Amino acid sequence: MQKYIGQVVEIIYIDRTGNITQRQIEIHGIRDNLVRATCLKSKAPRAFRTENILACVPVANGRSVVS
Protein backbone atom coordinates (compact mmCIF):
# COMPACT_ATOMS: atom_id res chain seq x y z
CA MET A 1 0.00 0.00 0.00
CA GLN A 2 2.91 2.34 0.72
CA LYS A 3 3.64 2.66 -3.01
CA TYR A 4 0.15 4.09 -3.61
CA ILE A 5 0.54 7.23 -1.45
CA GLY A 6 -0.70 10.19 -3.49
CA GLN A 7 -2.64 7.96 -5.86
CA VAL A 8 -6.22 6.83 -6.30
CA VAL A 9 -6.95 3.17 -5.65
CA GLU A 10 -10.07 1.06 -5.51
CA ILE A 11 -10.46 -1.01 -2.37
CA ILE A 12 -12.79 -3.65 -1.04
CA TYR A 13 -13.13 -3.06 2.68
CA ILE A 14 -14.87 -4.76 5.58
CA ASP A 15 -15.92 -2.39 8.36
CA ARG A 16 -16.15 -3.13 12.08
CA THR A 17 -19.78 -4.24 11.75
CA GLY A 18 -18.98 -6.70 8.95
CA ASN A 19 -20.31 -4.66 6.03
CA ILE A 20 -18.26 -5.04 2.85
CA THR A 21 -17.94 -1.99 0.60
CA GLN A 22 -16.11 -1.16 -2.59
CA ARG A 23 -14.86 2.39 -2.97
CA GLN A 24 -12.25 4.58 -4.61
CA ILE A 25 -9.95 6.48 -2.30
CA GLU A 26 -7.03 8.85 -2.66
CA ILE A 27 -4.32 7.76 -0.23
CA HIS A 28 -2.61 10.54 1.77
CA GLY A 29 -0.52 8.48 4.17
CA ILE A 30 -0.11 5.21 6.02
CA ARG A 31 0.92 4.95 9.66
CA ASP A 32 0.29 2.54 12.53
CA ASN A 33 -1.76 0.20 10.30
CA LEU A 34 -4.11 3.03 9.30
CA VAL A 35 -4.54 4.29 5.76
CA ARG A 36 -5.47 7.98 5.78
CA ALA A 37 -7.36 8.85 2.61
CA THR A 38 -10.17 10.79 1.02
CA CYS A 39 -13.15 8.70 -0.05
CA LEU A 40 -14.01 9.92 -3.54
CA LYS A 41 -17.67 8.91 -3.22
CA SER A 42 -18.39 10.90 -0.06
CA LYS A 43 -15.59 13.49 -0.59
CA ALA A 44 -14.75 13.02 3.09
CA PRO A 45 -11.50 12.17 4.88
CA ARG A 46 -11.43 8.61 6.19
CA ALA A 47 -9.11 6.21 7.96
CA PHE A 48 -9.06 2.54 6.98
CA ARG A 49 -7.44 -0.27 8.97
CA THR A 50 -4.99 -2.10 6.74
CA GLU A 51 -6.09 -5.49 8.07
CA ASN A 52 -9.66 -4.75 6.89
CA ILE A 53 -8.68 -3.97 3.30
CA LEU A 54 -9.53 -7.16 1.42
CA ALA A 55 -8.33 -6.00 -2.03
CA CYS A 56 -6.64 -2.97 -3.55
CA VAL A 57 -5.98 -2.03 -7.19
CA PRO A 58 -4.73 1.24 -8.71
CA VAL A 59 -7.13 3.44 -10.67
CA ALA A 60 -6.25 5.23 -13.91
CA ASN A 61 -8.66 7.53 -15.76
CA GLY A 62 -11.44 6.60 -13.35
CA ARG A 63 -11.13 2.87 -14.04
CA SER A 64 -9.52 0.07 -12.03
CA VAL A 65 -6.26 -1.22 -13.43
CA VAL A 66 -5.27 -4.80 -12.76
CA SER A 67 -1.59 -5.53 -13.44
PDB file of N, CA and C in Angstrom:
ATOM      1  N   MET A   1       0.827  -1.201   0.000  1.00  0.00           N
ATOM      2  CA  MET A   1       0.000   0.000   0.000  1.00  0.00           C
ATOM      3  C   MET A   1       0.864   1.255   0.000  1.00  0.00           C
ATOM      4  N   GLN A   2       2.031   1.167   0.595  1.00  0.00           N
ATOM      5  CA  GLN A   2       2.906   2.337   0.717  1.00  0.00           C
ATOM      6  C   GLN A   2       3.183   2.973  -0.642  1.00  0.00           C
ATOM      7  N   LYS A   3       3.302   2.145  -1.688  1.00  0.00           N
ATOM      8  CA  LYS A   3       3.640   2.663  -3.012  1.00  0.00           C
ATOM      9  C   LYS A   3       2.499   3.461  -3.641  1.00  0.00           C
ATOM     10  N   TYR A   4       1.304   3.392  -3.059  1.00  0.00           N
ATOM     11  CA  TYR A   4       0.153   4.091  -3.611  1.00  0.00           C
ATOM     12  C   TYR A   4      -0.123   5.449  -2.958  1.00  0.00           C
ATOM     13  N   ILE A   5       0.738   5.914  -2.079  1.00  0.00           N
ATOM     14  CA  ILE A   5       0.535   7.226  -1.453  1.00  0.00           C
ATOM     15  C   ILE A   5       0.505   8.292  -2.537  1.00  0.00           C
ATOM     16  N   GLY A   6      -0.521   9.138  -2.492  1.00  0.00           N
ATOM     17  CA  GLY A   6      -0.703  10.191  -3.489  1.00  0.00           C
ATOM     18  C   GLY A   6      -1.493   9.742  -4.699  1.00  0.00           C
ATOM     19  N   GLN A   7      -1.911   8.494  -4.717  1.00  0.00           N
ATOM     20  CA  GLN A   7      -2.643   7.960  -5.862  1.00  0.00           C
ATOM     21  C   GLN A   7      -4.059   7.557  -5.467  1.00  0.00           C
ATOM     22  N   VAL A   8      -4.864   7.323  -6.505  1.00  0.00           N
ATOM     23  CA  VAL A   8      -6.222   6.829  -6.302  1.00  0.00           C
ATOM     24  C   VAL A   8      -6.198   5.316  -6.498  1.00  0.00           C
ATOM     25  N   VAL A   9      -6.814   4.619  -5.563  1.00  0.00           N
ATOM     26  CA  VAL A   9      -6.945   3.166  -5.650  1.00  0.00           C
ATOM     27  C   VAL A   9      -8.398   2.786  -5.386  1.00  0.00           C
ATOM     28  N   GLU A  10      -8.757   1.601  -5.828  1.00  0.00           N
ATOM     29  CA  GLU A  10     -10.068   1.058  -5.509  1.00  0.00           C
ATOM     30  C   GLU A  10      -9.851  -0.053  -4.491  1.00  0.00           C
ATOM     31  N   ILE A  11     -10.613  -0.005  -3.409  1.00  0.00           N
ATOM     32  CA  ILE A  11     -10.464  -1.014  -2.365  1.00  0.00           C
ATOM     33  C   ILE A  11     -11.785  -1.727  -2.120  1.00  0.00           C
ATOM     34  N   ILE A  12     -11.660  -2.931  -1.623  1.00  0.00           N
ATOM     35  CA  ILE A  12     -12.791  -3.650  -1.045  1.00  0.00           C
ATOM     36  C   ILE A  12     -12.459  -3.732   0.434  1.00  0.00           C
ATOM     37  N   TYR A  13     -13.392  -3.282   1.256  1.00  0.00           N
ATOM     38  CA  TYR A  13     -13.130  -3.059   2.679  1.00  0.00           C
ATOM     39  C   TYR A  13     -14.244  -3.656   3.515  1.00  0.00           C
ATOM     40  N   ILE A  14     -13.875  -4.259   4.624  1.00  0.00           N
ATOM     41  CA  ILE A  14     -14.872  -4.756   5.577  1.00  0.00           C
ATOM     42  C   ILE A  14     -14.800  -3.884   6.830  1.00  0.00           C
ATOM     43  N   ASP A  15     -15.932  -3.286   7.196  1.00  0.00           N
ATOM     44  CA  ASP A  15     -15.922  -2.386   8.358  1.00  0.00           C
ATOM     45  C   ASP A  15     -16.110  -3.169   9.647  1.00  0.00           C
ATOM     46  N   ARG A  16     -16.104  -2.465  10.759  1.00  0.00           N
ATOM     47  CA  ARG A  16     -16.150  -3.130  12.075  1.00  0.00           C
ATOM     48  C   ARG A  16     -17.460  -3.863  12.335  1.00  0.00           C
ATOM     49  N   THR A  17     -18.511  -3.533  11.575  1.00  0.00           N
ATOM     50  CA  THR A  17     -19.783  -4.243  11.754  1.00  0.00           C
ATOM     51  C   THR A  17     -19.948  -5.387  10.761  1.00  0.00           C
ATOM     52  N   GLY A  18     -18.932  -5.599   9.898  1.00  0.00           N
ATOM     53  CA  GLY A  18     -18.978  -6.704   8.947  1.00  0.00           C
ATOM     54  C   GLY A  18     -19.501  -6.360   7.571  1.00  0.00           C
ATOM     55  N   ASN A  19     -19.857  -5.083   7.353  1.00  0.00           N
ATOM     56  CA  ASN A  19     -20.309  -4.662   6.033  1.00  0.00           C
ATOM     57  C   ASN A  19     -19.131  -4.569   5.074  1.00  0.00           C
ATOM     58  N   ILE A  20     -19.308  -5.094   3.876  1.00  0.00           N
ATOM     59  CA  ILE A  20     -18.262  -5.036   2.850  1.00  0.00           C
ATOM     60  C   ILE A  20     -18.648  -3.969   1.837  1.00  0.00           C
ATOM     61  N   THR A  21     -17.702  -3.053   1.565  1.00  0.00           N
ATOM     62  CA  THR A  21     -17.941  -1.988   0.596  1.00  0.00           C
ATOM     63  C   THR A  21     -16.801  -1.939  -0.402  1.00  0.00           C
ATOM     64  N   GLN A  22     -17.112  -1.393  -1.564  1.00  0.00           N
ATOM     65  CA  GLN A  22     -16.108  -1.164  -2.590  1.00  0.00           C
ATOM     66  C   GLN A  22     -16.109   0.332  -2.853  1.00  0.00           C
ATOM     67  N   ARG A  23     -14.931   0.940  -2.806  1.00  0.00           N
ATOM     68  CA  ARG A  23     -14.862   2.392  -2.971  1.00  0.00           C
ATOM     69  C   ARG A  23     -13.523   2.808  -3.541  1.00  0.00           C
ATOM     70  N   GLN A  24     -13.506   3.993  -4.143  1.00  0.00           N
ATOM     71  CA  GLN A  24     -12.252   4.575  -4.615  1.00  0.00           C
ATOM     72  C   GLN A  24     -11.803   5.608  -3.598  1.00  0.00           C
ATOM     73  N   ILE A  25     -10.512   5.549  -3.277  1.00  0.00           N
ATOM     74  CA  ILE A  25      -9.949   6.476  -2.296  1.00  0.00           C
ATOM     75  C   ILE A  25      -8.643   7.058  -2.824  1.00  0.00           C
ATOM     76  N   GLU A  26      -8.334   8.255  -2.382  1.00  0.00           N
ATOM     77  CA  GLU A  26      -7.026   8.852  -2.656  1.00  0.00           C
ATOM     78  C   GLU A  26      -6.219   8.750  -1.367  1.00  0.00           C
ATOM     79  N   ILE A  27      -5.113   8.027  -1.427  1.00  0.00           N
ATOM     80  CA  ILE A  27      -4.322   7.764  -0.229  1.00  0.00           C
ATOM     81  C   ILE A  27      -3.399   8.943   0.077  1.00  0.00           C
ATOM     82  N   HIS A  28      -3.458   9.425   1.332  1.00  0.00           N
ATOM     83  CA  HIS A  28      -2.606  10.541   1.771  1.00  0.00           C
ATOM     84  C   HIS A  28      -1.434  10.068   2.615  1.00  0.00           C
ATOM     85  N   GLY A  29      -1.605   8.979   3.337  1.00  0.00           N
ATOM     86  CA  GLY A  29      -0.523   8.476   4.173  1.00  0.00           C
ATOM     87  C   GLY A  29      -0.917   7.181   4.858  1.00  0.00           C
ATOM     88  N   ILE A  30       0.110   6.468   5.309  1.00  0.00           N
ATOM     89  CA  ILE A  30      -0.109   5.214   6.018  1.00  0.00           C
ATOM     90  C   ILE A  30       0.780   5.224   7.250  1.00  0.00           C
ATOM     91  N   ARG A  31       0.159   4.987   8.416  1.00  0.00           N
ATOM     92  CA  ARG A  31       0.918   4.953   9.664  1.00  0.00           C
ATOM     93  C   ARG A  31       0.157   4.138  10.700  1.00  0.00           C
ATOM     94  N   ASP A  32       0.887   3.348  11.456  1.00  0.00           N
ATOM     95  CA  ASP A  32       0.292   2.544  12.533  1.00  0.00           C
ATOM     96  C   ASP A  32      -0.893   1.711  12.041  1.00  0.00           C
ATOM     97  N   ASN A  33      -0.729   1.064  10.896  1.00  0.00           N
ATOM     98  CA  ASN A  33      -1.758   0.201  10.305  1.00  0.00           C
ATOM     99  C   ASN A  33      -3.047   0.930   9.951  1.00  0.00           C
ATOM    100  N   LEU A  34      -2.965   2.240   9.756  1.00  0.00           N
ATOM    101  CA  LEU A  34      -4.110   3.028   9.296  1.00  0.00           C
ATOM    102  C   LEU A  34      -3.761   3.708   7.974  1.00  0.00           C
ATOM    103  N   VAL A  35      -4.678   3.598   7.036  1.00  0.00           N
ATOM    104  CA  VAL A  35      -4.537   4.293   5.760  1.00  0.00           C
ATOM    105  C   VAL A  35      -5.384   5.549   5.853  1.00  0.00           C
ATOM    106  N   ARG A  36      -4.754   6.702   5.769  1.00  0.00           N
ATOM    107  CA  ARG A  36      -5.471   7.979   5.780  1.00  0.00           C
ATOM    108  C   ARG A  36      -5.720   8.365   4.324  1.00  0.00           C
ATOM    109  N   ALA A  37      -6.987   8.629   4.010  1.00  0.00           N
ATOM    110  CA  ALA A  37      -7.359   8.847   2.614  1.00  0.00           C
ATOM    111  C   ALA A  37      -8.608   9.707   2.526  1.00  0.00           C
ATOM    112  N   THR A  38      -8.903  10.137   1.315  1.00  0.00           N
ATOM    113  CA  THR A  38     -10.171  10.789   1.023  1.00  0.00           C
ATOM    114  C   THR A  38     -11.004   9.811   0.220  1.00  0.00           C
ATOM    115  N   CYS A  39     -12.209   9.543   0.688  1.00  0.00           N
ATOM    116  CA  CYS A  39     -13.149   8.703  -0.050  1.00  0.00           C
ATOM    117  C   CYS A  39     -13.714   9.554  -1.183  1.00  0.00           C
ATOM    118  N   LEU A  40     -13.568   9.113  -2.416  1.00  0.00           N
ATOM    119  CA  LEU A  40     -14.008   9.923  -3.543  1.00  0.00           C
ATOM    120  C   LEU A  40     -15.526   9.929  -3.699  1.00  0.00           C
ATOM    121  N   LYS A  41     -16.205   8.948  -3.157  1.00  0.00           N
ATOM    122  CA  LYS A  41     -17.671   8.912  -3.219  1.00  0.00           C
ATOM    123  C   LYS A  41     -18.281   9.951  -2.291  1.00  0.00           C
ATOM    124  N   SER A  42     -17.815   9.976  -1.039  1.00  0.00           N
ATOM    125  CA  SER A  42     -18.387  10.905  -0.057  1.00  0.00           C
ATOM    126  C   SER A  42     -17.631  12.228   0.013  1.00  0.00           C
ATOM    127  N   LYS A  43     -16.459  12.286  -0.623  1.00  0.00           N
ATOM    128  CA  LYS A  43     -15.594  13.486  -0.591  1.00  0.00           C
ATOM    129  C   LYS A  43     -15.170  13.828   0.839  1.00  0.00           C
ATOM    130  N   ALA A  44     -15.070  12.808   1.676  1.00  0.00           N
ATOM    131  CA  ALA A  44     -14.749  13.020   3.089  1.00  0.00           C
ATOM    132  C   ALA A  44     -13.451  12.306   3.453  1.00  0.00           C
ATOM    133  N   PRO A  45     -12.699  12.870   4.404  1.00  0.00           N
ATOM    134  CA  PRO A  45     -11.501  12.169   4.882  1.00  0.00           C
ATOM    135  C   PRO A  45     -11.905  10.936   5.679  1.00  0.00           C
ATOM    136  N   ARG A  46     -11.135   9.869   5.506  1.00  0.00           N
ATOM    137  CA  ARG A  46     -11.429   8.612   6.194  1.00  0.00           C
ATOM    138  C   ARG A  46     -10.133   7.965   6.626  1.00  0.00           C
ATOM    139  N   ALA A  47     -10.235   7.048   7.555  1.00  0.00           N
ATOM    140  CA  ALA A  47      -9.105   6.205   7.964  1.00  0.00           C
ATOM    141  C   ALA A  47      -9.563   4.759   7.844  1.00  0.00           C
ATOM    142  N   PHE A  48      -8.741   3.951   7.201  1.00  0.00           N
ATOM    143  CA  PHE A  48      -9.063   2.539   6.979  1.00  0.00           C
ATOM    144  C   PHE A  48      -7.996   1.679   7.639  1.00  0.00           C
ATOM    145  N   ARG A  49      -8.393   0.671   8.373  1.00  0.00           N
ATOM    146  CA  ARG A  49      -7.444  -0.268   8.974  1.00  0.00           C
ATOM    147  C   ARG A  49      -6.912  -1.185   7.878  1.00  0.00           C
ATOM    148  N   THR A  50      -5.583  -1.301   7.806  1.00  0.00           N
ATOM    149  CA  THR A  50      -4.987  -2.104   6.738  1.00  0.00           C
ATOM    150  C   THR A  50      -5.461  -3.555   6.784  1.00  0.00           C
ATOM    151  N   GLU A  51      -5.668  -4.090   7.979  1.00  0.00           N
ATOM    152  CA  GLU A  51      -6.092  -5.488   8.069  1.00  0.00           C
ATOM    153  C   GLU A  51      -7.514  -5.716   7.565  1.00  0.00           C
ATOM    154  N   ASN A  52      -8.285  -4.636   7.390  1.00  0.00           N
ATOM    155  CA  ASN A  52      -9.659  -4.752   6.893  1.00  0.00           C
ATOM    156  C   ASN A  52      -9.780  -4.477   5.403  1.00  0.00           C
ATOM    157  N   ILE A  53      -8.669  -4.162   4.754  1.00  0.00           N
ATOM    158  CA  ILE A  53      -8.679  -3.968   3.299  1.00  0.00           C
ATOM    159  C   ILE A  53      -8.490  -5.339   2.669  1.00  0.00           C
ATOM    160  N   LEU A  54      -9.539  -5.812   1.986  1.00  0.00           N
ATOM    161  CA  LEU A  54      -9.528  -7.156   1.416  1.00  0.00           C
ATOM    162  C   LEU A  54      -8.859  -7.189   0.051  1.00  0.00           C
ATOM    163  N   ALA A  55      -8.935  -6.080  -0.705  1.00  0.00           N
ATOM    164  CA  ALA A  55      -8.329  -5.998  -2.035  1.00  0.00           C
ATOM    165  C   ALA A  55      -8.044  -4.541  -2.344  1.00  0.00           C
ATOM    166  N   CYS A  56      -7.030  -4.329  -3.176  1.00  0.00           N
ATOM    167  CA  CYS A  56      -6.637  -2.970  -3.546  1.00  0.00           C
ATOM    168  C   CYS A  56      -6.028  -2.993  -4.945  1.00  0.00           C
ATOM    169  N   VAL A  57      -6.548  -2.152  -5.850  1.00  0.00           N
ATOM    170  CA  VAL A  57      -5.982  -2.026  -7.188  1.00  0.00           C
ATOM    171  C   VAL A  57      -5.888  -0.545  -7.546  1.00  0.00           C
ATOM    172  N   PRO A  58      -4.850  -0.149  -8.296  1.00  0.00           N
ATOM    173  CA  PRO A  58      -4.732   1.240  -8.711  1.00  0.00           C
ATOM    174  C   PRO A  58      -5.820   1.618  -9.701  1.00  0.00           C
ATOM    175  N   VAL A  59      -6.131   2.905  -9.767  1.00  0.00           N
ATOM    176  CA  VAL A  59      -7.134   3.440 -10.670  1.00  0.00           C
ATOM    177  C   VAL A  59      -6.471   4.424 -11.619  1.00  0.00           C
ATOM    178  N   ALA A  60      -6.761   4.291 -12.910  1.00  0.00           N
ATOM    179  CA  ALA A  60      -6.250   5.232 -13.908  1.00  0.00           C
ATOM    180  C   ALA A  60      -7.434   5.676 -14.768  1.00  0.00           C
ATOM    181  N   ASN A  61      -7.562   6.975 -14.957  1.00  0.00           N
ATOM    182  CA  ASN A  61      -8.661   7.530 -15.765  1.00  0.00           C
ATOM    183  C   ASN A  61     -10.025   7.076 -15.273  1.00  0.00           C
ATOM    184  N   GLY A  62     -10.151   6.963 -13.927  1.00  0.00           N
ATOM    185  CA  GLY A  62     -11.445   6.603 -13.353  1.00  0.00           C
ATOM    186  C   GLY A  62     -11.789   5.128 -13.413  1.00  0.00           C
ATOM    187  N   ARG A  63     -10.860   4.288 -13.918  1.00  0.00           N
ATOM    188  CA  ARG A  63     -11.128   2.866 -14.039  1.00  0.00           C
ATOM    189  C   ARG A  63     -10.063   2.053 -13.331  1.00  0.00           C
ATOM    190  N   SER A  64     -10.459   0.953 -12.724  1.00  0.00           N
ATOM    191  CA  SER A  64      -9.518   0.073 -12.031  1.00  0.00           C
ATOM    192  C   SER A  64      -8.542  -0.521 -13.032  1.00  0.00           C
ATOM    193  N   VAL A  65      -7.295  -0.643 -12.585  1.00  0.00           N
ATOM    194  CA  VAL A  65      -6.256  -1.216 -13.426  1.00  0.00           C
ATOM    195  C   VAL A  65      -5.706  -2.445 -12.716  1.00  0.00           C
ATOM    196  N   VAL A  66      -5.813  -3.580 -13.333  1.00  0.00           N
ATOM    197  CA  VAL A  66      -5.269  -4.801 -12.762  1.00  0.00           C
ATOM    198  C   VAL A  66      -3.998  -5.136 -13.516  1.00  0.00           C
ATOM    199  N   SER A  67      -2.853  -5.246 -12.770  1.00  0.00           N
ATOM    200  CA  SER A  67      -1.591  -5.529 -13.444  1.00  0.00           C
ATOM    201  C   SER A  67      -1.200  -6.969 -13.367  1.00  0.00           C
TER     202      SER A  67
END
